[in-house]
C-alpha atoms as a PDB file:
ATOM      1  CA  MET A   1      -1.634  -7.146 -26.327  1.00  0.00           C
ATOM      2  CA  GLU A   2      -1.292  -4.008 -24.217  1.00  0.00           C
ATOM      3  CA  LYS A   3       0.237  -4.476 -20.778  1.00  0.00           C
ATOM      4  CA  LEU A   4      -2.151  -4.155 -17.868  1.00  0.00           C
ATOM      5  CA  LYS A   5      -1.348  -1.032 -15.833  1.00  0.00           C
ATOM      6  CA  LEU A   6      -1.760  -1.754 -12.142  1.00  0.00           C
ATOM      7  CA  PRO A   7      -0.693   0.248  -9.095  1.00  0.00           C
ATOM      8  CA  GLY A   8       2.578  -0.709  -7.434  1.00  0.00           C
ATOM      9  CA  TYR A   9       2.998  -2.887  -4.390  1.00  0.00           C
ATOM     10  CA  GLY A  10       3.579   0.208  -2.241  1.00  0.00           C
ATOM     11  CA  VAL A  11      -0.044   1.177  -2.871  1.00  0.00           C
ATOM     12  CA  LEU A  12      -1.720  -2.218  -3.218  1.00  0.00           C
ATOM     13  CA  ILE A  13      -0.443  -3.863  -0.024  1.00  0.00           C
ATOM     14  CA  PRO A  14      -1.494  -1.075   2.400  1.00  0.00           C
ATOM     15  CA  VAL A  15      -4.879  -0.696   0.674  1.00  0.00           C
ATOM     16  CA  ALA A  16      -5.454  -4.454   0.820  1.00  0.00           C
ATOM     17  CA  VAL A  17      -4.544  -4.606   4.504  1.00  0.00           C
ATOM     18  CA  LEU A  18      -6.526  -1.528   5.520  1.00  0.00           C
ATOM     19  CA  LEU A  19      -9.663  -2.078   3.436  1.00  0.00           C
ATOM     20  CA  GLY A  20      -9.568  -5.853   3.505  1.00  0.00           C
ATOM     21  CA  PHE A  21      -9.362  -6.163   7.256  1.00  0.00           C
ATOM     22  CA  ALA A  22     -11.299  -3.051   8.342  1.00  0.00           C
ATOM     23  CA  PRO A  23     -12.801  -2.887  10.909  1.00  0.00           C
ATOM     24  CA  PHE A  24     -10.120  -4.710  12.836  1.00  0.00           C
ATOM     25  CA  VAL A  25     -12.184  -5.129  16.018  1.00  0.00           C
ATOM     26  CA  PRO A  26     -14.107  -7.272  16.898  1.00  0.00           C
ATOM     27  CA  GLU A  27     -13.643  -9.224  13.637  1.00  0.00           C
ATOM     28  CA  PRO A  28     -12.486  -8.132  10.184  1.00  0.00           C
ATOM     29  CA  HIS A  29     -15.357  -7.891   7.690  1.00  0.00           C
ATOM     30  CA  LEU A  30     -13.586 -10.098   5.175  1.00  0.00           C
ATOM     31  CA  VAL A  31     -13.210 -12.888   7.738  1.00  0.00           C
ATOM     32  CA  GLY A  32     -16.845 -12.604   8.774  1.00  0.00           C
ATOM     33  CA  LYS A  33     -18.103 -12.553   5.196  1.00  0.00           C
ATOM     34  CA  ALA A  34     -15.906 -15.528   4.258  1.00  0.00           C
ATOM     35  CA  ARG A  35     -17.317 -17.415   7.240  1.00  0.00           C
ATOM     36  CA  MET A  36     -20.852 -16.536   6.090  1.00  0.00           C
ATOM     37  CA  LEU A  37     -20.020 -17.650   2.536  1.00  0.00           C
ATOM     38  CA  LEU A  38     -18.669 -21.000   3.720  1.00  0.00           C
ATOM     39  CA  SER A  39     -21.649 -21.625   6.010  1.00  0.00           C
ATOM     40  CA  GLY A  40     -24.162 -20.704   3.296  1.00  0.00           C
ATOM     41  CA  THR A  41     -25.653 -17.694   5.099  1.00  0.00           C
ATOM     42  CA  LEU A  42     -24.297 -15.024   2.722  1.00  0.00           C
ATOM     43  CA  VAL A  43     -27.634 -14.276   1.038  1.00  0.00           C
ATOM     44  CA  ARG A  44     -28.432 -10.604   1.602  1.00  0.00           C
ATOM     45  CA  PRO A  45     -27.389  -8.317  -1.282  1.00  0.00           C
ATOM     46  CA  LEU A  46     -25.721  -5.924   1.158  1.00  0.00           C
ATOM     47  CA  ASP A  47     -23.571  -8.729   2.568  1.00  0.00           C
ATOM     48  CA  ILE A  48     -22.561  -9.861  -0.933  1.00  0.00           C
ATOM     49  CA  PHE A  49     -21.642  -6.277  -1.880  1.00  0.00           C
ATOM     50  CA  ASP A  50     -19.690  -5.964   1.369  1.00  0.00           C
ATOM     51  CA  LEU A  51     -17.721  -9.116   0.551  1.00  0.00           C
ATOM     52  CA  PHE A  52     -16.759  -7.740  -2.867  1.00  0.00           C
ATOM     53  CA  TRP A  53     -15.967  -4.307  -1.437  1.00  0.00           C
ATOM     54  CA  HIS A  54     -13.527  -5.707   1.112  1.00  0.00           C
ATOM     55  CA  ALA A  55     -12.040  -8.293  -1.320  1.00  0.00           C
ATOM     56  CA  TRP A  56     -11.279  -6.148  -4.401  1.00  0.00           C
ATOM     57  CA  PRO A  57      -7.872  -4.939  -3.154  1.00  0.00           C
ATOM     58  CA  PHE A  58      -6.753  -8.556  -2.729  1.00  0.00           C
ATOM     59  CA  ALA A  59      -7.975  -9.330  -6.265  1.00  0.00           C
ATOM     60  CA  LEU A  60      -5.931  -6.420  -7.658  1.00  0.00           C
ATOM     61  CA  LEU A  61      -2.906  -7.535  -5.642  1.00  0.00           C
ATOM     62  CA  ALA A  62      -3.277 -11.070  -7.012  1.00  0.00           C
ATOM     63  CA  CYS A  63      -3.500  -9.667 -10.565  1.00  0.00           C
ATOM     64  CA  ARG A  64      -0.343  -7.633  -9.976  1.00  0.00           C
ATOM     65  CA  VAL A  65       1.532 -10.687  -8.696  1.00  0.00           C
ATOM     66  CA  ALA A  66       0.311 -12.783 -11.646  1.00  0.00           C
ATOM     67  CA  VAL A  67       1.361 -10.118 -14.179  1.00  0.00           C
ATOM     68  CA  ASP A  68       4.788  -9.795 -12.557  1.00  0.00           C
ATOM     69  CA  ILE A  69       5.306 -13.569 -12.526  1.00  0.00           C
ATOM     70  CA  ARG A  70       4.189 -13.837 -16.156  1.00  0.00           C
ATOM     71  CA  ASP A  71       6.500 -10.994 -17.217  1.00  0.00           C
ATOM     72  CA  ARG A  72       9.456 -12.403 -15.307  1.00  0.00           C
ATOM     73  CA  GLY A  73       8.911 -15.873 -16.785  1.00  0.00           C
ATOM     74  CA  GLY A  74       8.547 -14.430 -20.303  1.00  0.00           C
ATOM     75  CA  ALA A  75      11.769 -12.440 -20.007  1.00  0.00           C
ATOM     76  CA  ARG A  76      13.625 -15.529 -18.809  1.00  0.00           C
ATOM     77  CA  GLY A  77      12.317 -17.580 -21.742  1.00  0.00           C
ATOM     78  CA  ARG A  78      13.515 -14.997 -24.327  1.00  0.00           C
ATOM     79  CA  SER A  79      17.124 -14.897 -23.111  1.00  0.00           C
END
């Protein structure tokens, strides 16, 4: 299986912070959309798209962490 090529942490962390929490004032979009999702009011297609738009950097960051943990654990098991 070919290794997944993801950007490094130096790119992913700033993008996740900037896009995930923009606009910072009065409330980050991701926080507002998560609140709407939990309360059951996230029904408009634009709001759903906005949730995915602000959450994708965190998903990529989570994939990068998972790949790194898997690779580190696999290397330890081979030794």
